[in-house]
Amino acid sequence: MAVPLAGYETPSPMRIGKLLLVEDDALMRGLVGGYLRNQGFHVEEAANGASARARFGDSDIDLIVLDIRLPDVDGFDLLRELRQSSQVPIVIITGNDSPMDRVAGLELGADDYICKPFELRELKARIRSVLRRVRGLVESDLSESAEILAFANLTLDVTHRRLLDNAGHEINLTGGEYELLRIMAEHPRRPLSRDQLLDRTRSRDWTPFDRSIDVLIGRLRRKLEAAGAANDLIKTVRNVGYMLASEVKRRRIATGSPEFAQAPIMPA
């Protein structure tokens, strides 16, 4: 399927990220790969699931663009397999704006999705949005202090974009799950509608029938409960949306202090 070529822009001289593009259609792969290279990305390509698997262990891959319709393997199986061993950001490509594909992808841990046919500029924007979150984590390692949101025996380190349980173990969250929890933790005990959560967490247009927030809430609840949080920590507020049902204490501490080293950092 052809991708609209509108929006080709002046090439960027600086490499801004290494991507793995997994797409079986040679024309599509050439168009998308060429455009992203033109925009400054380094792009590796894989035409099938076997080639993709061979590259999954590359530690220098910053993001994977994954078409879920592949000739030799179900793209969802690849996504599930990768999420068992890695938190590398993943943007999935789905066909015909299928709600089932979007929901399944988010359930399995995709960070974002884009539907065929799509504008190349939109794909670039989605990729950059996800990479900004990842690089925010890397750059924050140089910070001299950390902002902490503590609640329900959990510690949300906003500066380093990580969630710790009561034993100090990091709970793996996708970018979307982290952003959703951060927004609710910054507005504790306040019901937030799906529209409000969509506006604050997704860099995309959405429709009143967009259920991606419900999918993320379900995933987030399961991870929090597995970490020992109460099953009603995130409450459903009927006819409104969702709410973090806990007191939250915000603190800022020096990253070089003994207190920071002894995570999790709970309120005094």
C-alpha atoms as a PDB file:
ATOM      1  CA  MET A   1       0.000   0.000   0.000  1.00  0.00           C
ATOM      2  CA  ALA A   2       1.359   3.393  -0.961  1.00  0.00           C
ATOM      3  CA  VAL A   3       2.074   5.914   1.752  1.00  0.00           C
ATOM      4  CA  PRO A   4       1.250   9.575   1.040  1.00  0.00           C
ATOM      5  CA  LEU A   5       4.428  11.438   0.203  1.00  0.00           C
ATOM      6  CA  ALA A   6       3.118  14.813   1.336  1.00  0.00           C
ATOM      7  CA  GLY A   7       5.407  16.408   3.839  1.00  0.00           C
ATOM      8  CA  TYR A   8       8.832  15.440   2.565  1.00  0.00           C
ATOM      9  CA  GLU A   9      11.133  17.946   4.193  1.00  0.00           C
ATOM     10  CA  THR A  10      14.696  19.174   4.027  1.00  0.00           C
ATOM     11  CA  PRO A  11      17.091  16.435   5.114  1.00  0.00           C
ATOM     12  CA  SER A  12      18.519  16.740   8.602  1.00  0.00           C
ATOM     13  CA  PRO A  13      22.317  16.458   8.800  1.00  0.00           C
ATOM     14  CA  MET A  14      22.273  14.956  12.320  1.00  0.00           C
ATOM     15  CA  ARG A  15      21.432  11.369  13.212  1.00  0.00           C
ATOM     16  CA  ILE A  16      18.701  11.493  15.832  1.00  0.00           C
ATOM     17  CA  GLY A  17      18.005   7.848  16.608  1.00  0.00           C
ATOM     18  CA  LYS A  18      18.422   4.273  15.400  1.00  0.00           C
ATOM     19  CA  LEU A  19      15.187   2.605  14.329  1.00  0.00           C
ATOM     20  CA  LEU A  20      14.291  -0.937  13.336  1.00  0.00           C
ATOM     21  CA  LEU A  21      11.573  -0.914  10.675  1.00  0.00           C
ATOM     22  CA  VAL A  22       9.773  -4.274  10.413  1.00  0.00           C
ATOM     23  CA  GLU A  23       7.633  -4.290   7.243  1.00  0.00           C
ATOM     24  CA  ASP A  24       7.178  -7.028   4.632  1.00  0.00           C
ATOM     25  CA  ASP A  25       5.891  -4.821   1.785  1.00  0.00           C
ATOM     26  CA  ALA A  26       8.994  -3.744  -0.148  1.00  0.00           C
ATOM     27  CA  LEU A  27       7.413  -0.562  -1.530  1.00  0.00           C
ATOM     28  CA  MET A  28       6.118   0.508   1.867  1.00  0.00           C
ATOM     29  CA  ARG A  29       9.436  -0.326   3.514  1.00  0.00           C
ATOM     30  CA  GLY A  30      11.359   1.675   0.927  1.00  0.00           C
ATOM     31  CA  LEU A  31       9.107   4.724   1.211  1.00  0.00           C
ATOM     32  CA  VAL A  32       9.004   4.788   4.993  1.00  0.00           C
ATOM     33  CA  GLY A  33      12.671   3.900   5.450  1.00  0.00           C
ATOM     34  CA  GLY A  34      13.784   6.475   2.895  1.00  0.00           C
ATOM     35  CA  TYR A  35      11.685   9.214   4.454  1.00  0.00           C
ATOM     36  CA  LEU A  36      12.910   8.525   7.982  1.00  0.00           C
ATOM     37  CA  ARG A  37      16.543   8.493   6.810  1.00  0.00           C
ATOM     38  CA  ASN A  38      15.868  11.774   5.060  1.00  0.00           C
ATOM     39  CA  GLN A  39      14.710  13.148   8.402  1.00  0.00           C
ATOM     40  CA  GLY A  40      17.924  12.186  10.191  1.00  0.00           C
ATOM     41  CA  PHE A  41      17.171   8.728  11.591  1.00  0.00           C
ATOM     42  CA  HIS A  42      19.419   5.725  11.136  1.00  0.00           C
ATOM     43  CA  VAL A  43      17.101   2.957   9.905  1.00  0.00           C
ATOM     44  CA  GLU A  44      17.676  -0.793   9.927  1.00  0.00           C
ATOM     45  CA  GLU A  45      15.124  -2.847   7.986  1.00  0.00           C
ATOM     46  CA  ALA A  46      13.587  -6.281   8.440  1.00  0.00           C
ATOM     47  CA  ALA A  47      11.240  -7.823   5.875  1.00  0.00           C
ATOM     48  CA  ASN A  48       9.881 -10.601   8.092  1.00  0.00           C
ATOM     49  CA  GLY A  49       9.707 -11.894  11.628  1.00  0.00           C
ATOM     50  CA  ALA A  50      12.865 -13.990  11.375  1.00  0.00           C
ATOM     51  CA  SER A  51      14.960 -10.982  10.322  1.00  0.00           C
ATOM     52  CA  ALA A  52      13.392  -8.885  13.080  1.00  0.00           C
ATOM     53  CA  ARG A  53      14.207 -11.470  15.754  1.00  0.00           C
ATOM     54  CA  ALA A  54      17.842 -11.489  14.655  1.00  0.00           C
ATOM     55  CA  ARG A  55      18.054  -7.772  15.421  1.00  0.00           C
ATOM     56  CA  PHE A  56      16.039  -7.665  18.649  1.00  0.00           C
ATOM     57  CA  GLY A  57      19.178  -8.097  20.730  1.00  0.00           C
ATOM     58  CA  ASP A  58      20.879  -5.004  19.289  1.00  0.00           C
ATOM     59  CA  SER A  59      21.381  -2.757  22.299  1.00  0.00           C
ATOM     60  CA  ASP A  60      21.710   0.385  20.185  1.00  0.00           C
ATOM     61  CA  ILE A  61      18.179   0.247  18.744  1.00  0.00           C
ATOM     62  CA  ASP A  62      16.238   3.223  20.093  1.00  0.00           C
ATOM     63  CA  LEU A  63      12.790   2.302  18.769  1.00  0.00           C
ATOM     64  CA  ILE A  64      11.027  -0.375  16.708  1.00  0.00           C
ATOM     65  CA  VAL A  65       8.368   0.363  14.090  1.00  0.00           C
ATOM     66  CA  LEU A  66       6.483  -2.916  13.745  1.00  0.00           C
ATOM     67  CA  ASP A  67       3.865  -3.847  11.150  1.00  0.00           C
ATOM     68  CA  ILE A  68       1.715  -6.478  12.837  1.00  0.00           C
ATOM     69  CA  ARG A  69       0.834  -8.168   9.537  1.00  0.00           C
ATOM     70  CA  LEU A  70       3.888 -10.217   8.563  1.00  0.00           C
ATOM     71  CA  PRO A  71       4.133 -13.239   6.228  1.00  0.00           C
ATOM     72  CA  ASP A  72       5.956 -15.660   8.518  1.00  0.00           C
ATOM     73  CA  VAL A  73       4.797 -14.741  12.025  1.00  0.00           C
ATOM     74  CA  ASP A  74       2.013 -12.908  13.812  1.00  0.00           C
ATOM     75  CA  GLY A  75       3.271  -9.434  14.696  1.00  0.00           C
ATOM     76  CA  PHE A  76       1.485  -9.680  18.042  1.00  0.00           C
ATOM     77  CA  ASP A  77       3.580 -12.745  18.872  1.00  0.00           C
ATOM     78  CA  LEU A  78       6.718 -10.731  18.096  1.00  0.00           C
ATOM     79  CA  LEU A  79       5.492  -7.908  20.295  1.00  0.00           C
ATOM     80  CA  ARG A  80       4.728 -10.292  23.163  1.00  0.00           C
ATOM     81  CA  GLU A  81       8.111 -11.995  22.776  1.00  0.00           C
ATOM     82  CA  LEU A  82      10.003  -8.715  22.797  1.00  0.00           C
ATOM     83  CA  ARG A  83       8.169  -7.370  25.829  1.00  0.00           C
ATOM     84  CA  GLN A  84       9.257 -10.396  27.846  1.00  0.00           C
ATOM     85  CA  SER A  85      12.873  -9.303  27.620  1.00  0.00           C
ATOM     86  CA  SER A  86      12.969  -5.624  26.659  1.00  0.00           C
ATOM     87  CA  GLN A  87      11.280  -2.276  27.209  1.00  0.00           C
ATOM     88  CA  VAL A  88      12.544  -0.774  23.934  1.00  0.00           C
ATOM     89  CA  PRO A  89       9.823   1.592  22.644  1.00  0.00           C
ATOM     90  CA  ILE A  90       7.547   0.116  19.968  1.00  0.00           C
ATOM     91  CA  VAL A  91       5.217   1.863  17.533  1.00  0.00           C
ATOM     92  CA  ILE A  92       2.949  -0.625  15.770  1.00  0.00           C
ATOM     93  CA  ILE A  93       1.465  -0.195  12.306  1.00  0.00           C
ATOM     94  CA  THR A  94      -2.061  -1.530  11.975  1.00  0.00           C
ATOM     95  CA  GLY A  95      -4.300  -1.950   8.941  1.00  0.00           C
ATOM     96  CA  ASN A  96      -7.621  -0.291   8.225  1.00  0.00           C
ATOM     97  CA  ASP A  97      -7.838   1.433  11.616  1.00  0.00           C
ATOM     98  CA  SER A  98      -8.912  -1.825  13.274  1.00  0.00           C
ATOM     99  CA  PRO A  99      -9.978  -1.244  16.903  1.00  0.00           C
ATOM    100  CA  MET A 100      -9.131  -4.859  17.733  1.00  0.00           C
ATOM    101  CA  ASP A 101      -5.565  -4.430  16.497  1.00  0.00           C
ATOM    102  CA  ARG A 102      -5.100  -1.208  18.469  1.00  0.00           C
ATOM    103  CA  VAL A 103      -6.442  -2.687  21.677  1.00  0.00           C
ATOM    104  CA  ALA A 104      -4.400  -5.893  21.320  1.00  0.00           C
ATOM    105  CA  GLY A 105      -1.218  -3.919  20.610  1.00  0.00           C
ATOM    106  CA  LEU A 106      -1.663  -1.699  23.646  1.00  0.00           C
ATOM    107  CA  GLU A 107      -2.512  -4.690  25.829  1.00  0.00           C
ATOM    108  CA  LEU A 108       0.760  -6.344  24.818  1.00  0.00           C
ATOM    109  CA  GLY A 109       2.847  -3.271  25.590  1.00  0.00           C
ATOM    110  CA  ALA A 110       3.088  -1.124  22.444  1.00  0.00           C
ATOM    111  CA  ASP A 111       3.891   2.512  23.204  1.00  0.00           C
ATOM    112  CA  ASP A 112       1.887   3.938  20.311  1.00  0.00           C
ATOM    113  CA  TYR A 113       0.219   2.938  17.065  1.00  0.00           C
ATOM    114  CA  ILE A 114      -0.482   4.368  13.640  1.00  0.00           C
ATOM    115  CA  CYS A 115      -3.047   3.145  11.118  1.00  0.00           C
ATOM    116  CA  LYS A 116      -2.690   2.656   7.370  1.00  0.00           C
ATOM    117  CA  PRO A 117      -2.890   4.733   5.305  1.00  0.00           C
ATOM    118  CA  PHE A 118      -0.900   7.359   7.195  1.00  0.00           C
ATOM    119  CA  GLU A 119       1.017  10.548   6.566  1.00  0.00           C
ATOM    120  CA  LEU A 120       4.767  10.167   6.830  1.00  0.00           C
ATOM    121  CA  ARG A 121       4.959  13.335   8.908  1.00  0.00           C
ATOM    122  CA  GLU A 122       2.553  11.827  11.414  1.00  0.00           C
ATOM    123  CA  LEU A 123       4.714   8.724  11.800  1.00  0.00           C
ATOM    124  CA  LYS A 124       7.755  10.924  12.332  1.00  0.00           C
ATOM    125  CA  ALA A 125       5.894  12.919  14.988  1.00  0.00           C
ATOM    126  CA  ARG A 126       4.848   9.741  16.818  1.00  0.00           C
ATOM    127  CA  ILE A 127       8.417   8.412  16.781  1.00  0.00           C
ATOM    128  CA  ARG A 128       9.883  11.668  18.027  1.00  0.00           C
ATOM    129  CA  SER A 129       7.291  11.909  20.789  1.00  0.00           C
ATOM    130  CA  VAL A 130       8.228   8.462  22.110  1.00  0.00           C
ATOM    131  CA  LEU A 131      11.968   9.120  21.776  1.00  0.00           C
ATOM    132  CA  ARG A 132      11.641  12.391  23.694  1.00  0.00           C
ATOM    133  CA  ARG A 133      10.263  10.424  26.637  1.00  0.00           C
ATOM    134  CA  VAL A 134      13.102   7.912  26.461  1.00  0.00           C
ATOM    135  CA  ARG A 135      15.802  10.564  26.149  1.00  0.00           C
ATOM    136  CA  GLY A 136      14.236  12.485  28.982  1.00  0.00           C
ATOM    137  CA  LEU A 137      15.102   9.478  31.129  1.00  0.00           C
ATOM    138  CA  VAL A 138      18.709   9.400  29.880  1.00  0.00           C
ATOM    139  CA  GLU A 139      19.262  13.145  30.323  1.00  0.00           C
ATOM    140  CA  SER A 140      17.720  13.081  33.789  1.00  0.00           C
ATOM    141  CA  ASP A 141      20.533  10.824  34.995  1.00  0.00           C
ATOM    142  CA  LEU A 142      22.647  14.000  35.153  1.00  0.00           C
ATOM    143  CA  SER A 143      20.186  15.780  37.429  1.00  0.00           C
ATOM    144  CA  GLU A 144      21.468  16.778  40.872  1.00  0.00           C
ATOM    145  CA  SER A 145      18.052  16.242  42.444  1.00  0.00           C
ATOM    146  CA  ALA A 146      15.036  14.026  41.887  1.00  0.00           C
ATOM    147  CA  GLU A 147      11.341  14.806  42.154  1.00  0.00           C
ATOM    148  CA  ILE A 148       9.463  12.081  43.988  1.00  0.00           C
ATOM    149  CA  LEU A 149       5.753  11.279  44.204  1.00  0.00           C
ATOM    150  CA  ALA A 150       5.150   8.784  47.023  1.00  0.00           C
ATOM    151  CA  PHE A 151       1.871   6.933  47.504  1.00  0.00           C
ATOM    152  CA  ALA A 152       0.515   3.540  48.584  1.00  0.00           C
ATOM    153  CA  ASN A 153       3.994   2.104  49.352  1.00  0.00           C
ATOM    154  CA  LEU A 154       5.104   3.019  45.834  1.00  0.00           C
ATOM    155  CA  THR A 155       7.604   5.624  44.690  1.00  0.00           C
ATOM    156  CA  LEU A 156       7.217   7.414  41.369  1.00  0.00           C
ATOM    157  CA  ASP A 157      10.561   9.003  40.509  1.00  0.00           C
ATOM    158  CA  VAL A 158       9.396  11.694  38.082  1.00  0.00           C
ATOM    159  CA  THR A 159      12.914  12.889  37.273  1.00  0.00           C
ATOM    160  CA  HIS A 160      14.147   9.459  36.202  1.00  0.00           C
ATOM    161  CA  ARG A 161      10.766   8.233  34.933  1.00  0.00           C
ATOM    162  CA  ARG A 162      10.637   5.064  37.021  1.00  0.00           C
ATOM    163  CA  LEU A 163       8.277   3.410  39.475  1.00  0.00           C
ATOM    164  CA  LEU A 164       9.636   1.508  42.495  1.00  0.00           C
ATOM    165  CA  ASP A 165       7.847  -0.891  44.790  1.00  0.00           C
ATOM    166  CA  ASN A 166       8.242  -1.021  48.567  1.00  0.00           C
ATOM    167  CA  ALA A 167      11.345  -3.194  48.274  1.00  0.00           C
ATOM    168  CA  GLY A 168      13.040  -0.795  45.870  1.00  0.00           C
ATOM    169  CA  HIS A 169      12.495  -2.949  42.783  1.00  0.00           C
ATOM    170  CA  GLU A 170      11.650  -1.124  39.584  1.00  0.00           C
ATOM    171  CA  ILE A 171       8.270  -1.927  38.043  1.00  0.00           C
ATOM    172  CA  ASN A 172       8.568  -1.977  34.270  1.00  0.00           C
ATOM    173  CA  LEU A 173       6.108   0.435  32.664  1.00  0.00           C
ATOM    174  CA  THR A 174       5.669   1.375  29.033  1.00  0.00           C
ATOM    175  CA  GLY A 175       5.746   5.055  28.128  1.00  0.00           C
ATOM    176  CA  GLY A 176       1.964   5.232  27.991  1.00  0.00           C
ATOM    177  CA  GLU A 177       1.517   3.508  31.359  1.00  0.00           C
ATOM    178  CA  TYR A 178       4.051   5.804  33.012  1.00  0.00           C
ATOM    179  CA  GLU A 179       2.445   8.973  31.634  1.00  0.00           C
ATOM    180  CA  LEU A 180      -1.019   7.840  32.741  1.00  0.00           C
ATOM    181  CA  LEU A 181       0.145   7.062  36.287  1.00  0.00           C
ATOM    182  CA  ARG A 182       2.057  10.344  36.509  1.00  0.00           C
ATOM    183  CA  ILE A 183      -0.988  12.388  35.522  1.00  0.00           C
ATOM    184  CA  MET A 184      -3.187  10.632  38.086  1.00  0.00           C
ATOM    185  CA  ALA A 185      -0.515  10.921  40.793  1.00  0.00           C
ATOM    186  CA  GLU A 186      -0.262  14.650  40.141  1.00  0.00           C
ATOM    187  CA  HIS A 187      -4.044  14.918  40.652  1.00  0.00           C
ATOM    188  CA  PRO A 188      -4.705  12.436  43.488  1.00  0.00           C
ATOM    189  CA  ARG A 189      -8.240  11.721  44.679  1.00  0.00           C
ATOM    190  CA  ARG A 190      -9.566  13.784  41.793  1.00  0.00           C
ATOM    191  CA  PRO A 191     -11.739  12.031  39.203  1.00  0.00           C
ATOM    192  CA  LEU A 192     -10.317  12.530  35.717  1.00  0.00           C
ATOM    193  CA  SER A 193     -12.426  11.892  32.649  1.00  0.00           C
ATOM    194  CA  ARG A 194     -11.208   9.819  29.709  1.00  0.00           C
ATOM    195  CA  ASP A 195     -11.111  13.027  27.653  1.00  0.00           C
ATOM    196  CA  GLN A 196      -8.839  14.705  30.208  1.00  0.00           C
ATOM    197  CA  LEU A 197      -6.524  11.696  30.342  1.00  0.00           C
ATOM    198  CA  LEU A 198      -6.376  11.444  26.551  1.00  0.00           C
ATOM    199  CA  ASP A 199      -5.579  15.151  26.250  1.00  0.00           C
ATOM    200  CA  ARG A 200      -2.721  14.859  28.737  1.00  0.00           C
ATOM    201  CA  THR A 201      -1.182  11.557  27.697  1.00  0.00           C
ATOM    202  CA  ARG A 202      -1.512  11.167  23.924  1.00  0.00           C
ATOM    203  CA  SER A 203       0.049  13.321  21.218  1.00  0.00           C
ATOM    204  CA  ARG A 204      -2.659  12.482  18.686  1.00  0.00           C
ATOM    205  CA  ASP A 205      -6.150  13.269  17.569  1.00  0.00           C
ATOM    206  CA  TRP A 206      -8.725  11.013  19.207  1.00  0.00           C
ATOM    207  CA  THR A 207     -12.412  10.285  18.944  1.00  0.00           C
ATOM    208  CA  PRO A 208     -15.119   9.915  21.605  1.00  0.00           C
ATOM    209  CA  PHE A 209     -14.946   6.151  20.998  1.00  0.00           C
ATOM    210  CA  ASP A 210     -11.214   5.887  21.679  1.00  0.00           C
ATOM    211  CA  ARG A 211     -10.838   3.223  24.401  1.00  0.00           C
ATOM    212  CA  SER A 212      -7.045   3.237  24.642  1.00  0.00           C
ATOM    213  CA  ILE A 213      -7.189   4.795  28.119  1.00  0.00           C
ATOM    214  CA  ASP A 214      -9.291   1.881  29.366  1.00  0.00           C
ATOM    215  CA  VAL A 215      -6.722  -0.546  27.957  1.00  0.00           C
ATOM    216  CA  LEU A 216      -3.849   1.284  29.666  1.00  0.00           C
ATOM    217  CA  ILE A 217      -5.764   1.445  32.951  1.00  0.00           C
ATOM    218  CA  GLY A 218      -6.290  -2.313  32.845  1.00  0.00           C
ATOM    219  CA  ARG A 219      -2.598  -2.985  32.222  1.00  0.00           C
ATOM    220  CA  LEU A 220      -1.528  -0.521  34.891  1.00  0.00           C
ATOM    221  CA  ARG A 221      -3.860  -2.009  37.500  1.00  0.00           C
ATOM    222  CA  ARG A 222      -2.462  -5.485  36.920  1.00  0.00           C
ATOM    223  CA  LYS A 223       1.128  -4.298  37.302  1.00  0.00           C
ATOM    224  CA  LEU A 224       0.383  -2.298  40.455  1.00  0.00           C
ATOM    225  CA  GLU A 225      -1.492  -5.194  42.051  1.00  0.00           C
ATOM    226  CA  ALA A 226       1.378  -7.537  41.207  1.00  0.00           C
ATOM    227  CA  ALA A 227       3.650  -5.093  43.066  1.00  0.00           C
ATOM    228  CA  GLY A 228       1.450  -5.301  46.167  1.00  0.00           C
ATOM    229  CA  ALA A 229      -0.792  -2.278  45.701  1.00  0.00           C
ATOM    230  CA  ALA A 230      -4.450  -2.475  46.704  1.00  0.00           C
ATOM    231  CA  ASN A 231      -6.766  -3.557  43.909  1.00  0.00           C
ATOM    232  CA  ASP A 232      -8.749  -0.326  44.316  1.00  0.00           C
ATOM    233  CA  LEU A 233      -5.761   2.023  44.093  1.00  0.00           C
ATOM    234  CA  ILE A 234      -7.071   3.169  40.700  1.00  0.00           C
ATOM    235  CA  LYS A 235     -10.806   3.535  41.053  1.00  0.00           C
ATOM    236  CA  THR A 236     -13.393   3.709  38.315  1.00  0.00           C
ATOM    237  CA  VAL A 237     -15.640   6.713  38.868  1.00  0.00           C
ATOM    238  CA  ARG A 238     -18.966   5.945  37.266  1.00  0.00           C
ATOM    239  CA  ASN A 239     -19.959   8.240  34.390  1.00  0.00           C
ATOM    240  CA  VAL A 240     -16.708  10.190  34.822  1.00  0.00           C
ATOM    241  CA  GLY A 241     -13.482   8.219  34.408  1.00  0.00           C
ATOM    242  CA  TYR A 242     -10.735   7.179  36.807  1.00  0.00           C
ATOM    243  CA  MET A 243      -9.078   8.365  40.007  1.00  0.00           C
ATOM    244  CA  LEU A 244      -5.948   7.550  42.009  1.00  0.00           C
ATOM    245  CA  ALA A 245      -7.447   6.800  45.418  1.00  0.00           C
ATOM    246  CA  SER A 246      -4.456   7.614  47.604  1.00  0.00           C
ATOM    247  CA  GLU A 247      -2.726  10.483  49.304  1.00  0.00           C
ATOM    248  CA  VAL A 248       0.353  11.562  47.355  1.00  0.00           C
ATOM    249  CA  LYS A 249       3.349  13.346  48.865  1.00  0.00           C
ATOM    250  CA  ARG A 250       5.709  15.264  46.591  1.00  0.00           C
ATOM    251  CA  ARG A 251       9.335  15.735  47.518  1.00  0.00           C
ATOM    252  CA  ARG A 252      12.622  16.750  45.915  1.00  0.00           C
ATOM    253  CA  ILE A 253      15.867  15.206  47.153  1.00  0.00           C
ATOM    254  CA  ALA A 254      19.520  15.268  46.115  1.00  0.00           C
ATOM    255  CA  THR A 255      20.441  12.327  43.901  1.00  0.00           C
ATOM    256  CA  GLY A 256      23.800  11.998  45.655  1.00  0.00           C
ATOM    257  CA  SER A 257      22.274  11.694  49.112  1.00  0.00           C
ATOM    258  CA  PRO A 258      22.061   8.428  51.087  1.00  0.00           C
ATOM    259  CA  GLU A 259      18.302   8.856  51.075  1.00  0.00           C
ATOM    260  CA  PHE A 260      18.215   8.663  47.287  1.00  0.00           C
ATOM    261  CA  ALA A 261      20.399   5.554  47.256  1.00  0.00           C
ATOM    262  CA  GLN A 262      18.057   3.820  49.669  1.00  0.00           C
ATOM    263  CA  ALA A 263      15.062   3.538  47.353  1.00  0.00           C
ATOM    264  CA  PRO A 264      12.155   3.520  47.617  1.00  0.00           C
ATOM    265  CA  ILE A 265      11.855   7.017  49.020  1.00  0.00           C
ATOM    266  CA  MET A 266       8.705   7.146  51.074  1.00  0.00           C
ATOM    267  CA  PRO A 267       7.225  10.228  52.727  1.00  0.00           C
ATOM    268  CA  ALA A 268       8.402  11.122  56.200  1.00  0.00           C
END
